[in-house]
Amino acid sequence: MKNFYLVGIFVMLAGFVFWFFSRQPGNVSAANLPEIVNGKQIVKMSASGSGYSPSRLKIRAGIPVSWQITSVGNAGCASALVAPSFFSGMIALSPNTTVTQEFTAAKPGVYKFSCSMGMYTGSFEVVN
């Protein structure tokens, strides 16, 4: 009976992950494109106990991105971030520090990121 519950929990978790990464986002902010410094787009975001800010970011395709994530206080769940469309693994944030993750978005589209549990989410809108 215990294995039955474990299998059920696993199936529900796998379903949630599939649903989260396959759904279409709502309105993406038409914020200005980031500044390019030394050939890289500089994108700044903070992570806190209430999520990511800003949570919707806009970048250009084909130009490297320097994603600077600052953890504000104890970010809780938001202190572990995944963006499987851009890199493998997880970004671990320590309280009151800034971590830089570099990547290049190859093609236009909307790409999601989230905390490792999927509770806090955000997206990159990649444009030409």
Foldseek 3Di string as FASTA:
>chain_A
DVVVVVVVVVVVQVVVVVCLFPDDDDDADPDDEADADPQEGEAEWEAACVAIVPQHAEYEAPTKYWYKYFYAACRVLNQWKDFVQWDDDIHGHDHGDIDIDMGGHHDFDKGKMARPSRPHIGIYGYHD
